[in-house]
């Protein structure tokens, strides 16, 4: 298991090695998709009682960090 961000862990034995929140069976991807779909944070906290508000913030920070490392290369057309 490795901790790749605050509260975000990767364990090959949990959810196929996807980044999860504190090793729970809740993936960072699940939370991000729910937020992107407009699910309010409070609703997520009620749906996943083991989730803490700090977990949602850590998931957003993790996603922001991934994007900040992304390299965009121009594509030459024609």
PDB file of N, CA and C in Angstrom:
ATOM      1  N   UNK A   1       0.841  -1.177   0.000  1.00  0.00           N
ATOM      2  CA  UNK A   1       0.000   0.000   0.000  1.00  0.00           C
ATOM      3  C   UNK A   1       0.886   1.240   0.000  1.00  0.00           C
ATOM      4  N   UNK A   2       0.451   2.245  -0.739  1.00  0.00           N
ATOM      5  CA  UNK A   2       1.172   3.506  -0.696  1.00  0.00           C
ATOM      6  C   UNK A   2       0.188   4.651  -0.559  1.00  0.00           C
ATOM      7  N   UNK A   3       0.620   5.649   0.160  1.00  0.00           N
ATOM      8  CA  UNK A   3      -0.196   6.844   0.344  1.00  0.00           C
ATOM      9  C   UNK A   3       0.269   7.834  -0.704  1.00  0.00           C
ATOM     10  N   UNK A   4      -0.625   8.197  -1.637  1.00  0.00           N
ATOM     11  CA  UNK A   4      -0.202   9.060  -2.730  1.00  0.00           C
ATOM     12  C   UNK A   4      -0.665  10.498  -2.568  1.00  0.00           C
ATOM     13  N   UNK A   5      -1.513  10.745  -1.617  1.00  0.00           N
ATOM     14  CA  UNK A   5      -1.963  12.098  -1.288  1.00  0.00           C
ATOM     15  C   UNK A   5      -2.597  12.021   0.090  1.00  0.00           C
ATOM     16  N   UNK A   6      -2.839  13.166   0.677  1.00  0.00           N
ATOM     17  CA  UNK A   6      -3.469  13.182   1.983  1.00  0.00           C
ATOM     18  C   UNK A   6      -4.781  12.414   1.915  1.00  0.00           C
ATOM     19  N   UNK A   7      -4.870  11.304   2.648  1.00  0.00           N
ATOM     20  CA  UNK A   7      -6.049  10.448   2.747  1.00  0.00           C
ATOM     21  C   UNK A   7      -6.310   9.565   1.518  1.00  0.00           C
ATOM     22  N   UNK A   8      -5.505   9.657   0.482  1.00  0.00           N
ATOM     23  CA  UNK A   8      -5.700   8.849  -0.719  1.00  0.00           C
ATOM     24  C   UNK A   8      -4.626   7.767  -0.736  1.00  0.00           C
ATOM     25  N   UNK A   9      -5.078   6.513  -0.860  1.00  0.00           N
ATOM     26  CA  UNK A   9      -4.158   5.378  -0.811  1.00  0.00           C
ATOM     27  C   UNK A   9      -4.339   4.477  -2.023  1.00  0.00           C
ATOM     28  N   UNK A  10      -3.272   3.783  -2.355  1.00  0.00           N
ATOM     29  CA  UNK A  10      -3.323   2.773  -3.411  1.00  0.00           C
ATOM     30  C   UNK A  10      -2.840   1.464  -2.815  1.00  0.00           C
ATOM     31  N   UNK A  11      -3.688   0.464  -2.912  1.00  0.00           N
ATOM     32  CA  UNK A  11      -3.362  -0.873  -2.422  1.00  0.00           C
ATOM     33  C   UNK A  11      -3.812  -1.847  -3.502  1.00  0.00           C
ATOM     34  N   UNK A  12      -2.891  -2.633  -4.057  1.00  0.00           N
ATOM     35  CA  UNK A  12      -3.276  -3.563  -5.117  1.00  0.00           C
ATOM     36  C   UNK A  12      -4.365  -4.545  -4.694  1.00  0.00           C
ATOM     37  N   UNK A  13      -4.554  -4.727  -3.385  1.00  0.00           N
ATOM     38  CA  UNK A  13      -5.564  -5.652  -2.880  1.00  0.00           C
ATOM     39  C   UNK A  13      -6.925  -5.009  -2.626  1.00  0.00           C
ATOM     40  N   UNK A  14      -7.013  -3.701  -2.845  1.00  0.00           N
ATOM     41  CA  UNK A  14      -8.274  -2.988  -2.610  1.00  0.00           C
ATOM     42  C   UNK A  14      -8.713  -2.329  -3.910  1.00  0.00           C
ATOM     43  N   UNK A  15      -9.868  -2.690  -4.398  1.00  0.00           N
ATOM     44  CA  UNK A  15     -10.472  -2.113  -5.607  1.00  0.00           C
ATOM     45  C   UNK A  15      -9.535  -2.160  -6.806  1.00  0.00           C
ATOM     46  N   UNK A  16      -8.803  -3.235  -6.925  1.00  0.00           N
ATOM     47  CA  UNK A  16      -7.935  -3.421  -8.081  1.00  0.00           C
ATOM     48  C   UNK A  16      -6.790  -2.428  -8.176  1.00  0.00           C
ATOM     49  N   UNK A  17      -6.429  -1.828  -7.061  1.00  0.00           N
ATOM     50  CA  UNK A  17      -5.312  -0.890  -7.052  1.00  0.00           C
ATOM     51  C   UNK A  17      -5.694   0.533  -7.412  1.00  0.00           C
ATOM     52  N   UNK A  18      -6.994   0.814  -7.547  1.00  0.00           N
ATOM     53  CA  UNK A  18      -7.419   2.192  -7.818  1.00  0.00           C
ATOM     54  C   UNK A  18      -7.185   3.033  -6.574  1.00  0.00           C
ATOM     55  N   UNK A  19      -6.936   4.324  -6.754  1.00  0.00           N
ATOM     56  CA  UNK A  19      -6.817   5.207  -5.583  1.00  0.00           C
ATOM     57  C   UNK A  19      -8.118   5.211  -4.787  1.00  0.00           C
ATOM     58  N   UNK A  20      -8.004   4.942  -3.495  1.00  0.00           N
ATOM     59  CA  UNK A  20      -9.166   4.909  -2.614  1.00  0.00           C
ATOM     60  C   UNK A  20      -8.976   5.895  -1.472  1.00  0.00           C
ATOM     61  N   UNK A  21     -10.062   6.136  -0.798  1.00  0.00           N
ATOM     62  CA  UNK A  21     -10.030   7.044   0.340  1.00  0.00           C
ATOM     63  C   UNK A  21      -9.749   6.239   1.598  1.00  0.00           C
ATOM     64  N   UNK A  22      -8.608   6.487   2.193  1.00  0.00           N
ATOM     65  CA  UNK A  22      -8.175   5.841   3.436  1.00  0.00           C
ATOM     66  C   UNK A  22      -8.299   4.326   3.388  1.00  0.00           C
ATOM     67  N   UNK A  23      -8.121   3.723   2.218  1.00  0.00           N
ATOM     68  CA  UNK A  23      -8.174   2.274   2.099  1.00  0.00           C
ATOM     69  C   UNK A  23      -9.575   1.702   2.138  1.00  0.00           C
ATOM     70  N   UNK A  24     -10.577   2.573   2.210  1.00  0.00           N
ATOM     71  CA  UNK A  24     -11.960   2.112   2.186  1.00  0.00           C
ATOM     72  C   UNK A  24     -12.297   1.659   0.773  1.00  0.00           C
ATOM     73  N   UNK A  25     -13.401   1.021   0.612  1.00  0.00           N
ATOM     74  CA  UNK A  25     -13.832   0.609  -0.720  1.00  0.00           C
ATOM     75  C   UNK A  25     -14.630   1.736  -1.382  1.00  0.00           C
ATOM     76  N   UNK A  26     -14.092   2.929  -1.259  1.00  0.00           N
ATOM     77  CA  UNK A  26     -14.635   4.115  -1.913  1.00  0.00           C
ATOM     78  C   UNK A  26     -13.493   4.705  -2.725  1.00  0.00           C
ATOM     79  N   UNK A  27     -13.638   4.697  -4.036  1.00  0.00           N
ATOM     80  CA  UNK A  27     -12.544   5.195  -4.868  1.00  0.00           C
ATOM     81  C   UNK A  27     -12.631   6.712  -5.033  1.00  0.00           C
ATOM     82  N   UNK A  28     -11.485   7.309  -5.272  1.00  0.00           N
ATOM     83  CA  UNK A  28     -11.431   8.736  -5.565  1.00  0.00           C
ATOM     84  C   UNK A  28     -12.272   9.021  -6.809  1.00  0.00           C
ATOM     85  N   UNK A  29     -12.230   8.105  -7.752  1.00  0.00           N
ATOM     86  CA  UNK A  29     -13.007   8.255  -8.983  1.00  0.00           C
ATOM     87  C   UNK A  29     -14.510   8.344  -8.687  1.00  0.00           C
ATOM     88  N   UNK A  30     -15.020   7.505  -7.801  1.00  0.00           N
ATOM     89  CA  UNK A  30     -16.441   7.528  -7.434  1.00  0.00           C
ATOM     90  C   UNK A  30     -16.843   8.900  -6.917  1.00  0.00           C
ATOM     91  N   UNK A  31     -16.029   9.425  -6.022  1.00  0.00           N
ATOM     92  CA  UNK A  31     -16.334  10.718  -5.411  1.00  0.00           C
ATOM     93  C   UNK A  31     -16.271  11.830  -6.445  1.00  0.00           C
ATOM     94  N   UNK A  32     -15.247  11.821  -7.285  1.00  0.00           N
ATOM     95  CA  UNK A  32     -15.118  12.856  -8.310  1.00  0.00           C
ATOM     96  C   UNK A  32     -16.276  12.816  -9.301  1.00  0.00           C
ATOM     97  N   UNK A  33     -16.664  11.620  -9.717  1.00  0.00           N
ATOM     98  CA  UNK A  33     -17.788  11.495 -10.653  1.00  0.00           C
ATOM     99  C   UNK A  33     -19.087  11.976 -10.014  1.00  0.00           C
ATOM    100  N   UNK A  34     -19.288  11.647  -8.753  1.00  0.00           N
ATOM    101  CA  UNK A  34     -20.496  12.097  -8.068  1.00  0.00           C
ATOM    102  C   UNK A  34     -20.527  13.617  -7.959  1.00  0.00           C
ATOM    103  N   UNK A  35     -19.409  14.215  -7.596  1.00  0.00           N
ATOM    104  CA  UNK A  35     -19.341  15.678  -7.503  1.00  0.00           C
ATOM    105  C   UNK A  35     -19.557  16.316  -8.868  1.00  0.00           C
ATOM    106  N   UNK A  36     -18.957  15.743  -9.898  1.00  0.00           N
ATOM    107  CA  UNK A  36     -19.106  16.281 -11.258  1.00  0.00           C
ATOM    108  C   UNK A  36     -20.551  16.171 -11.729  1.00  0.00           C
ATOM    109  N   UNK A  37     -21.265  15.183 -11.248  1.00  0.00           N
ATOM    110  CA  UNK A  37     -22.672  15.001 -11.621  1.00  0.00           C
ATOM    111  C   UNK A  37     -23.596  15.915 -10.812  1.00  0.00           C
ATOM    112  N   UNK A  38     -23.016  16.665  -9.884  1.00  0.00           N
ATOM    113  CA  UNK A  38     -23.806  17.613  -9.111  1.00  0.00           C
ATOM    114  C   UNK A  38     -24.283  17.119  -7.764  1.00  0.00           C
ATOM    115  N   UNK A  39     -23.793  15.964  -7.336  1.00  0.00           N
ATOM    116  CA  UNK A  39     -24.190  15.450  -6.021  1.00  0.00           C
ATOM    117  C   UNK A  39     -23.624  16.365  -4.944  1.00  0.00           C
ATOM    118  N   UNK A  40     -24.466  16.899  -4.087  1.00  0.00           N
ATOM    119  CA  UNK A  40     -23.961  17.766  -3.013  1.00  0.00           C
ATOM    120  C   UNK A  40     -23.054  16.983  -2.048  1.00  0.00           C
ATOM    121  N   UNK A  41     -22.081  17.673  -1.497  1.00  0.00           N
ATOM    122  CA  UNK A  41     -21.161  17.023  -0.549  1.00  0.00           C
ATOM    123  C   UNK A  41     -21.901  16.386   0.607  1.00  0.00           C
ATOM    124  N   UNK A  42     -22.906  17.086   1.132  1.00  0.00           N
ATOM    125  CA  UNK A  42     -23.647  16.552   2.272  1.00  0.00           C
ATOM    126  C   UNK A  42     -24.324  15.229   1.914  1.00  0.00           C
ATOM    127  N   UNK A  43     -24.821  15.135   0.695  1.00  0.00           N
ATOM    128  CA  UNK A  43     -25.456  13.896   0.260  1.00  0.00           C
ATOM    129  C   UNK A  43     -24.439  12.747   0.201  1.00  0.00           C
ATOM    130  N   UNK A  44     -23.233  13.044  -0.260  1.00  0.00           N
ATOM    131  CA  UNK A  44     -22.174  12.025  -0.290  1.00  0.00           C
ATOM    132  C   UNK A  44     -21.843  11.553   1.123  1.00  0.00           C
ATOM    133  N   UNK A  45     -21.779  12.490   2.044  1.00  0.00           N
ATOM    134  CA  UNK A  45     -21.463  12.144   3.429  1.00  0.00           C
ATOM    135  C   UNK A  45     -22.564  11.280   4.046  1.00  0.00           C
ATOM    136  N   UNK A  46     -23.798  11.511   3.632  1.00  0.00           N
ATOM    137  CA  UNK A  46     -24.901  10.694   4.136  1.00  0.00           C
ATOM    138  C   UNK A  46     -24.914   9.326   3.460  1.00  0.00           C
ATOM    139  N   UNK A  47     -24.603   9.292   2.167  1.00  0.00           N
ATOM    140  CA  UNK A  47     -24.604   8.035   1.415  1.00  0.00           C
ATOM    141  C   UNK A  47     -23.471   7.115   1.855  1.00  0.00           C
ATOM    142  N   UNK A  48     -22.335   7.712   2.201  1.00  0.00           N
ATOM    143  CA  UNK A  48     -21.156   6.962   2.655  1.00  0.00           C
ATOM    144  C   UNK A  48     -20.821   7.425   4.073  1.00  0.00           C
ATOM    145  N   UNK A  49     -21.439   6.850   5.099  1.00  0.00           N
ATOM    146  CA  UNK A  49     -21.245   7.330   6.473  1.00  0.00           C
ATOM    147  C   UNK A  49     -19.793   7.287   6.962  1.00  0.00           C
ATOM    148  N   UNK A  50     -18.977   6.416   6.368  1.00  0.00           N
ATOM    149  CA  UNK A  50     -17.574   6.354   6.796  1.00  0.00           C
ATOM    150  C   UNK A  50     -16.731   7.478   6.176  1.00  0.00           C
ATOM    151  N   UNK A  51     -17.297   8.182   5.225  1.00  0.00           N
ATOM    152  CA  UNK A  51     -16.614   9.291   4.561  1.00  0.00           C
ATOM    153  C   UNK A  51     -16.633  10.516   5.469  1.00  0.00           C
ATOM    154  N   UNK A  52     -15.541  11.253   5.477  1.00  0.00           N
ATOM    155  CA  UNK A  52     -15.429  12.472   6.274  1.00  0.00           C
ATOM    156  C   UNK A  52     -15.277  13.662   5.336  1.00  0.00           C
ATOM    157  N   UNK A  53     -15.686  14.855   5.761  1.00  0.00           N
ATOM    158  CA  UNK A  53     -15.551  16.035   4.892  1.00  0.00           C
ATOM    159  C   UNK A  53     -14.118  16.215   4.368  1.00  0.00           C
ATOM    160  N   UNK A  54     -13.136  15.899   5.195  1.00  0.00           N
ATOM    161  CA  UNK A  54     -11.738  16.036   4.791  1.00  0.00           C
ATOM    162  C   UNK A  54     -11.380  15.076   3.649  1.00  0.00           C
ATOM    163  N   UNK A  55     -12.088  13.949   3.559  1.00  0.00           N
ATOM    164  CA  UNK A  55     -11.857  12.993   2.476  1.00  0.00           C
ATOM    165  C   UNK A  55     -12.249  13.594   1.131  1.00  0.00           C
ATOM    166  N   UNK A  56     -13.351  14.324   1.115  1.00  0.00           N
ATOM    167  CA  UNK A  56     -13.797  14.966  -0.123  1.00  0.00           C
ATOM    168  C   UNK A  56     -12.790  16.020  -0.547  1.00  0.00           C
ATOM    169  N   UNK A  57     -12.328  16.824   0.405  1.00  0.00           N
ATOM    170  CA  UNK A  57     -11.320  17.847   0.088  1.00  0.00           C
ATOM    171  C   UNK A  57     -10.023  17.208  -0.401  1.00  0.00           C
ATOM    172  N   UNK A  58      -9.617  16.113   0.220  1.00  0.00           N
ATOM    173  CA  UNK A  58      -8.392  15.421  -0.196  1.00  0.00           C
ATOM    174  C   UNK A  58      -8.536  14.863  -1.608  1.00  0.00           C
ATOM    175  N   UNK A  59      -9.733  14.375  -1.938  1.00  0.00           N
ATOM    176  CA  UNK A  59      -9.972  13.842  -3.279  1.00  0.00           C
ATOM    177  C   UNK A  59      -9.875  14.948  -4.313  1.00  0.00           C
ATOM    178  N   UNK A  60     -10.432  16.097  -4.013  1.00  0.00           N
ATOM    179  CA  UNK A  60     -10.332  17.238  -4.933  1.00  0.00           C
ATOM    180  C   UNK A  60      -8.883  17.704  -5.075  1.00  0.00           C
ATOM    181  N   UNK A  61      -8.159  17.731  -3.971  1.00  0.00           N
ATOM    182  CA  UNK A  61      -6.743  18.130  -4.022  1.00  0.00           C
ATOM    183  C   UNK A  61      -5.932  17.129  -4.830  1.00  0.00           C
ATOM    184  N   UNK A  62      -6.244  15.856  -4.693  1.00  0.00           N
ATOM    185  CA  UNK A  62      -5.564  14.808  -5.456  1.00  0.00           C
ATOM    186  C   UNK A  62      -5.802  15.010  -6.953  1.00  0.00           C
ATOM    187  N   UNK A  63      -7.044  15.255  -7.333  1.00  0.00           N
ATOM    188  CA  UNK A  63      -7.376  15.475  -8.747  1.00  0.00           C
ATOM    189  C   UNK A  63      -6.674  16.723  -9.278  1.00  0.00           C
ATOM    190  N   UNK A  64      -6.650  17.770  -8.479  1.00  0.00           N
ATOM    191  CA  UNK A  64      -5.978  19.006  -8.895  1.00  0.00           C
ATOM    192  C   UNK A  64      -4.486  18.774  -9.102  1.00  0.00           C
ATOM    193  N   UNK A  65      -3.902  17.975  -8.237  1.00  0.00           N
ATOM    194  CA  UNK A  65      -2.467  17.668  -8.363  1.00  0.00           C
ATOM    195  C   UNK A  65      -2.196  16.888  -9.644  1.00  0.00           C
ATOM    196  N   UNK A  66      -3.044  15.934  -9.962  1.00  0.00           N
ATOM    197  CA  UNK A  66      -2.875  15.157 -11.203  1.00  0.00           C
ATOM    198  C   UNK A  66      -2.949  16.073 -12.421  1.00  0.00           C
ATOM    199  N   UNK A  67      -3.906  16.982 -12.419  1.00  0.00           N
ATOM    200  CA  UNK A  67      -4.064  17.894 -13.548  1.00  0.00           C
ATOM    201  C   UNK A  67      -2.869  18.841 -13.644  1.00  0.00           C
ATOM    202  N   UNK A  68      -2.343  19.261 -12.517  1.00  0.00           N
ATOM    203  CA  UNK A  68      -1.220  20.201 -12.545  1.00  0.00           C
ATOM    204  C   UNK A  68       0.024  19.577 -13.165  1.00  0.00           C
ATOM    205  N   UNK A  69       0.117  18.260 -13.117  1.00  0.00           N
ATOM    206  CA  UNK A  69       1.271  17.567 -13.688  1.00  0.00           C
ATOM    207  C   UNK A  69       1.060  17.184 -15.153  1.00  0.00           C
ATOM    208  N   UNK A  70      -0.150  17.407 -15.651  1.00  0.00           N
ATOM    209  CA  UNK A  70      -0.483  17.039 -17.022  1.00  0.00           C
ATOM    210  C   UNK A  70       0.258  17.940 -18.010  1.00  0.00           C
ATOM    211  N   UNK A  71       0.760  17.332 -19.048  1.00  0.00           N
ATOM    212  CA  UNK A  71       1.445  18.074 -20.104  1.00  0.00           C
ATOM    213  C   UNK A  71       0.549  18.064 -21.335  1.00  0.00           C
ATOM    214  N   UNK A  72       0.320  19.227 -21.888  1.00  0.00           N
ATOM    215  CA  UNK A  72      -0.485  19.348 -23.082  1.00  0.00           C
ATOM    216  C   UNK A  72       0.445  19.659 -24.243  1.00  0.00           C
ATOM    217  N   UNK A  73       0.422  18.776 -25.220  1.00  0.00           N
ATOM    218  CA  UNK A  73       1.278  18.950 -26.374  1.00  0.00           C
ATOM    219  C   UNK A  73       0.450  19.391 -27.575  1.00  0.00           C
ATOM    220  N   UNK A  74       0.954  20.368 -28.309  1.00  0.00           N
ATOM    221  CA  UNK A  74       0.195  20.814 -29.484  1.00  0.00           C
ATOM    222  C   UNK A  74       0.193  19.726 -30.554  1.00  0.00           C
ATOM    223  N   UNK A  75      -0.897  19.657 -31.264  1.00  0.00           N
ATOM    224  CA  UNK A  75      -1.015  18.691 -32.361  1.00  0.00           C
ATOM    225  C   UNK A  75      -0.940  19.471 -33.656  1.00  0.00           C
ATOM    226  N   UNK A  76      -0.026  19.068 -34.485  1.00  0.00           N
ATOM    227  CA  UNK A  76       0.145  19.728 -35.763  1.00  0.00           C
ATOM    228  C   UNK A  76      -0.867  19.142 -36.743  1.00  0.00           C
ATOM    229  N   UNK A  77      -1.709  19.989 -37.290  1.00  0.00           N
ATOM    230  CA  UNK A  77      -2.745  19.562 -38.211  1.00  0.00           C
ATOM    231  C   UNK A  77      -2.347  19.992 -39.618  1.00  0.00           C
ATOM    232  N   UNK A  78      -2.511  19.084 -40.563  1.00  0.00           N
ATOM    233  CA  UNK A  78      -2.280  19.427 -41.958  1.00  0.00           C
ATOM    234  C   UNK A  78      -0.947  19.123 -42.439  1.00  0.00           C
TER     235      UNK A  78
END
